[in-house]
Amino acid sequence: MSYARDYFEQAREAVRELQSIRSKLEGLPYRLDIGGIDYSKPTIAHGTAQSGMPAVEQAVDAESRYIKRMGELVEIINAAYDIIYGRDRKSGLLALAGYECTDALELRYLKAMSWQEVSKSMNYSARACQRFADTALDMCEAYGLAKVRDGKGVATQ
């Protein structure tokens, strides 16, 4: 496997993890089932007040961890976008390979689509979409990810 393919596979996994975290965060408030505290009759079980606060604290801690991880994942994804479109958004692989190659790469790796979904979105066969992405990855290998990202050499319009 090539280092360019590995790089974009890592970005694809970041997209999938980000999607998973977003769905967990959306469901977080609904799982707590926390009602108001009834101060009229204090209840103590096993030496601790049963206020529901531990569940709230756990949810806040989990949310904090998720948000931190989301920031890390977004950095990975944005770095991959920089390679596809260049830091100036008009160079990178777009200038080298054209729209078909960059669209196939973006849809597959940065939208985490299956090849069938990429095919449907682009109106090409799945095999053609795979060839487009392979061409883009080969160009990353040939020029190097940093040069493609920075638009050095022929990686500019």
Foldseek 3Di string as FASTA:
>chain_A
DDPLVVLLQVLLVLLVVLVVLVVCLVCLVVPLPADQDDPVDWDDDPHDTPRSVVSVVVSVVSVVVSVVSNVVSVVSLVLVVLQLQAPVRPFHLCQVQNDLLSLLSCCCRVVVDDLVVSCVVVVHHSVVSVVSPVVSSVVCVVQPSVCRSHRPDSRHD
